[in-house]
Amino acid sequence: MLHSVSEKIAYLISDKEDSYPMEIYTYGIELILSSLIGTVLVIASGIIFNLFFESIIFSLALSGIRFFSGGYHAKTYLKCNIIYFLSYFFTMIVYLLYHQYFTKYNAGTLSVLITVSILIVALFSPVENKNKKIDDDQKVKFKLLSIIILLLEGMGCYFIFNIFNFSEILVIIPTIIVVDISIVAEVIIKRHNFNIATE
């Protein structure tokens, strides 16, 4: 359904004299629509469960790192949105549990998490998928940007919470965990598939 809608939109907006194939327009529109559906579901859930700010922070923090680090890539847009929503659900549960125990002086958990995340990103990112090929120069650039964004999000989370007591920012902590899981999962799947292919 999403593909057919994207094809119709692509047909309406494309120029008949354009040299780009219709498939490129269709694929781009599919990505936009799929991302929009996922984001609307997350924000709507945030409004329903009184987690509006947390939902926005989750969306921004997740996309900020994942754009450069890569991670698990579902084969269909439906699976992609289901996994995205499950990631959001997991993040909110961990956030609500962790929020009860995080204190103004508790930097230890965050420091360990950021250190582990940096190691994961340094070792495995950026994770490619068949629709997003990355050359060697881009890999170095994306890896560095992933680490920088990770550090900024981690430090921003700690200081914003301690200075402004804005507890909603703590949702960044489980969001980073979701990114780590996504990267490791995709690496394991790729290696498993490679081993099967070489047997």
Protein backbone atom coordinates (compact mmCIF):
# COMPACT_ATOMS: atom_id res chain seq x y z
CA MET A 1 0.00 0.00 0.00
CA LEU A 2 2.77 2.43 0.94
CA HIS A 3 4.57 1.64 -2.30
CA SER A 4 1.50 2.30 -4.45
CA VAL A 5 0.78 5.60 -2.66
CA SER A 6 4.43 6.62 -3.11
CA GLU A 7 4.28 5.77 -6.80
CA LYS A 8 1.22 7.99 -7.27
CA ILE A 9 2.85 10.89 -5.43
CA ALA A 10 6.07 10.38 -7.41
CA TYR A 11 4.12 10.50 -10.65
CA LEU A 12 2.44 13.76 -9.62
CA ILE A 13 5.61 15.59 -8.55
CA SER A 14 8.12 14.26 -11.09
CA ASP A 15 9.02 16.10 -14.24
CA LYS A 16 8.55 14.02 -17.38
CA GLU A 17 11.77 15.49 -18.77
CA ASP A 18 13.73 14.64 -15.61
CA SER A 19 16.65 12.24 -16.10
CA TYR A 20 16.12 10.53 -12.73
CA PRO A 21 14.19 7.24 -12.87
CA MET A 22 10.75 7.11 -11.27
CA GLU A 23 12.06 4.45 -8.85
CA ILE A 24 14.32 7.02 -7.16
CA TYR A 25 11.40 9.37 -6.50
CA THR A 26 9.25 6.48 -5.30
CA TYR A 27 11.93 5.18 -2.91
CA GLY A 28 12.53 8.66 -1.47
CA ILE A 29 8.82 9.26 -0.90
CA GLU A 30 8.47 5.80 0.70
CA LEU A 31 11.24 6.70 3.16
CA ILE A 32 9.63 10.03 4.01
CA LEU A 33 6.14 8.55 4.47
CA SER A 34 7.43 5.61 6.52
CA SER A 35 9.42 7.92 8.81
CA LEU A 36 6.45 10.24 9.13
CA ILE A 37 4.13 7.39 10.11
CA GLY A 38 6.57 6.17 12.77
CA THR A 39 7.10 9.65 14.18
CA VAL A 40 3.36 10.42 14.28
CA LEU A 41 2.70 7.13 16.13
CA VAL A 42 5.41 7.91 18.69
CA ILE A 43 4.29 11.51 19.27
CA ALA A 44 0.62 10.44 19.47
CA SER A 45 1.56 7.79 22.04
CA GLY A 46 3.49 10.41 23.96
CA ILE A 47 0.42 12.63 24.11
CA ILE A 48 -1.83 9.73 25.18
CA PHE A 49 0.54 8.53 27.93
CA ASN A 50 1.60 12.01 29.05
CA LEU A 51 5.14 11.50 27.70
CA PHE A 52 5.10 14.18 25.02
CA PHE A 53 8.51 15.78 25.70
CA GLU A 54 10.11 12.37 26.25
CA SER A 55 8.75 11.20 22.88
CA ILE A 56 10.20 14.18 21.05
CA ILE A 57 13.57 13.77 22.78
CA PHE A 58 13.56 10.05 21.95
CA SER A 59 12.89 10.72 18.26
CA LEU A 60 15.60 13.39 18.00
CA ALA A 61 18.22 11.50 20.03
CA LEU A 62 17.66 8.23 18.17
CA SER A 63 17.74 9.74 14.69
CA GLY A 64 20.72 11.94 15.62
CA ILE A 65 23.00 8.97 16.30
CA ARG A 66 21.46 6.39 13.95
CA PHE A 67 21.75 8.62 10.89
CA PHE A 68 25.54 8.24 11.08
CA SER A 69 26.00 5.00 13.06
CA GLY A 70 23.47 2.87 11.18
CA GLY A 71 21.94 -0.18 12.84
CA TYR A 72 19.37 -2.88 12.33
CA HIS A 73 17.54 -2.47 9.04
CA ALA A 74 14.18 -4.18 8.57
CA LYS A 75 13.30 -5.58 5.16
CA THR A 76 9.88 -3.91 4.97
CA TYR A 77 8.54 -0.52 6.06
CA LEU A 78 5.90 -2.22 8.19
CA LYS A 79 8.54 -4.17 10.13
CA CYS A 80 10.64 -1.01 10.36
CA ASN A 81 7.80 0.92 12.00
CA ILE A 82 6.91 -1.99 14.29
CA ILE A 83 10.53 -2.21 15.49
CA TYR A 84 10.68 1.58 15.84
CA PHE A 85 7.56 1.58 18.00
CA LEU A 86 8.79 -1.39 20.08
CA SER A 87 12.07 0.48 20.60
CA TYR A 88 10.08 3.48 21.79
CA PHE A 89 8.00 1.30 24.12
CA PHE A 90 11.15 -0.33 25.57
CA THR A 91 12.79 3.08 25.98
CA MET A 92 9.85 4.52 27.87
CA ILE A 93 9.62 1.54 30.23
CA VAL A 94 13.34 1.72 31.05
CA TYR A 95 13.11 5.51 31.37
CA LEU A 96 10.21 5.34 33.84
CA LEU A 97 12.00 2.69 35.92
CA TYR A 98 15.39 4.43 35.80
CA HIS A 99 13.88 7.81 36.55
CA GLN A 100 13.00 6.64 40.05
CA TYR A 101 16.66 5.90 40.92
CA PHE A 102 18.65 8.58 39.07
CA THR A 103 19.93 11.21 41.52
CA LYS A 104 21.70 14.51 41.09
CA TYR A 105 25.02 12.89 41.99
CA ASN A 106 24.66 9.66 40.04
CA ALA A 107 26.96 10.06 37.05
CA GLY A 108 28.35 6.52 37.29
CA THR A 109 25.64 4.74 35.33
CA LEU A 110 25.70 7.33 32.56
CA SER A 111 29.53 7.27 32.37
CA VAL A 112 29.58 3.47 32.02
CA LEU A 113 26.82 3.56 29.39
CA ILE A 114 28.57 6.22 27.30
CA THR A 115 31.89 4.37 27.51
CA VAL A 116 30.30 1.08 26.37
CA SER A 117 28.39 2.89 23.61
CA ILE A 118 31.54 4.61 22.34
CA LEU A 119 33.30 1.23 22.19
CA ILE A 120 30.40 -0.28 20.23
CA VAL A 121 30.31 2.65 17.83
CA ALA A 122 34.10 2.69 17.44
CA LEU A 123 34.23 -1.04 16.69
CA PHE A 124 31.17 -1.54 14.50
CA SER A 125 29.77 1.70 13.10
CA PRO A 126 28.77 2.79 10.60
CA VAL A 127 26.68 -0.26 9.79
CA GLU A 128 25.79 -0.37 6.11
CA ASN A 129 22.64 -1.66 4.51
CA LYS A 130 21.98 -2.45 0.87
CA ASN A 131 20.22 0.88 0.32
CA LYS A 132 22.93 2.95 1.98
CA LYS A 133 26.42 2.10 0.75
CA ILE A 134 29.27 3.99 2.40
CA ASP A 135 32.80 4.45 1.01
CA ASP A 136 35.93 4.32 3.21
CA ASP A 137 36.21 8.11 3.65
CA GLN A 138 32.58 8.35 4.69
CA LYS A 139 33.01 5.48 7.15
CA VAL A 140 35.68 7.38 9.08
CA LYS A 141 33.61 10.58 8.99
CA PHE A 142 30.39 8.83 10.09
CA LYS A 143 32.19 6.98 12.89
CA LEU A 144 33.62 10.23 14.28
CA LEU A 145 30.29 12.03 13.98
CA SER A 146 28.52 9.14 15.74
CA ILE A 147 30.96 9.35 18.66
CA ILE A 148 30.69 13.16 18.85
CA ILE A 149 26.87 13.07 18.84
CA LEU A 150 26.91 10.30 21.43
CA LEU A 151 29.16 12.35 23.73
CA LEU A 152 27.07 15.50 23.23
CA GLU A 153 23.84 13.66 24.00
CA GLY A 154 25.32 11.99 27.09
CA MET A 155 26.85 15.16 28.50
CA GLY A 156 23.79 17.19 27.58
CA CYS A 157 21.57 14.72 29.39
CA TYR A 158 23.60 14.89 32.60
CA PHE A 159 24.07 18.66 32.72
CA ILE A 160 20.53 19.59 31.66
CA PHE A 161 19.14 17.30 34.34
CA ASN A 162 21.44 18.60 37.07
CA ILE A 163 21.29 22.30 36.18
CA PHE A 164 17.65 22.66 35.13
CA ASN A 165 16.18 19.57 36.82
CA PHE A 166 14.51 18.73 33.50
CA SER A 167 13.92 15.04 34.21
CA GLU A 168 12.43 14.32 30.77
CA ILE A 169 15.95 14.53 29.32
CA LEU A 170 16.78 11.24 31.06
CA VAL A 171 14.99 9.43 28.23
CA ILE A 172 18.27 9.82 26.30
CA ILE A 173 19.83 7.11 28.50
CA PRO A 174 17.65 4.17 27.33
CA THR A 175 17.59 5.67 23.81
CA ILE A 176 21.37 5.21 23.64
CA ILE A 177 20.89 1.61 24.80
CA VAL A 178 18.44 1.05 21.92
CA VAL A 179 21.02 2.37 19.44
CA ASP A 180 23.66 0.02 20.87
CA ILE A 181 21.32 -2.96 20.59
CA SER A 182 20.43 -1.99 17.02
CA ILE A 183 24.09 -1.79 15.95
CA VAL A 184 25.08 -5.08 17.61
CA ALA A 185 21.98 -6.86 16.25
CA GLU A 186 22.73 -5.80 12.67
CA VAL A 187 26.39 -6.84 12.97
CA ILE A 188 25.39 -10.28 14.30
CA ILE A 189 22.79 -10.75 11.54
CA LYS A 190 25.28 -9.76 8.82
CA ARG A 191 27.93 -12.15 10.15
CA HIS A 192 25.37 -14.96 10.47
CA ASN A 193 24.21 -14.43 6.87
CA PHE A 194 27.83 -14.29 5.67
CA ASN A 195 28.65 -17.56 7.40
CA ILE A 196 25.61 -19.24 5.82
CA ALA A 197 26.57 -17.89 2.38
CA THR A 198 30.16 -19.19 2.64
CA GLU A 199 29.22 -22.68 3.85
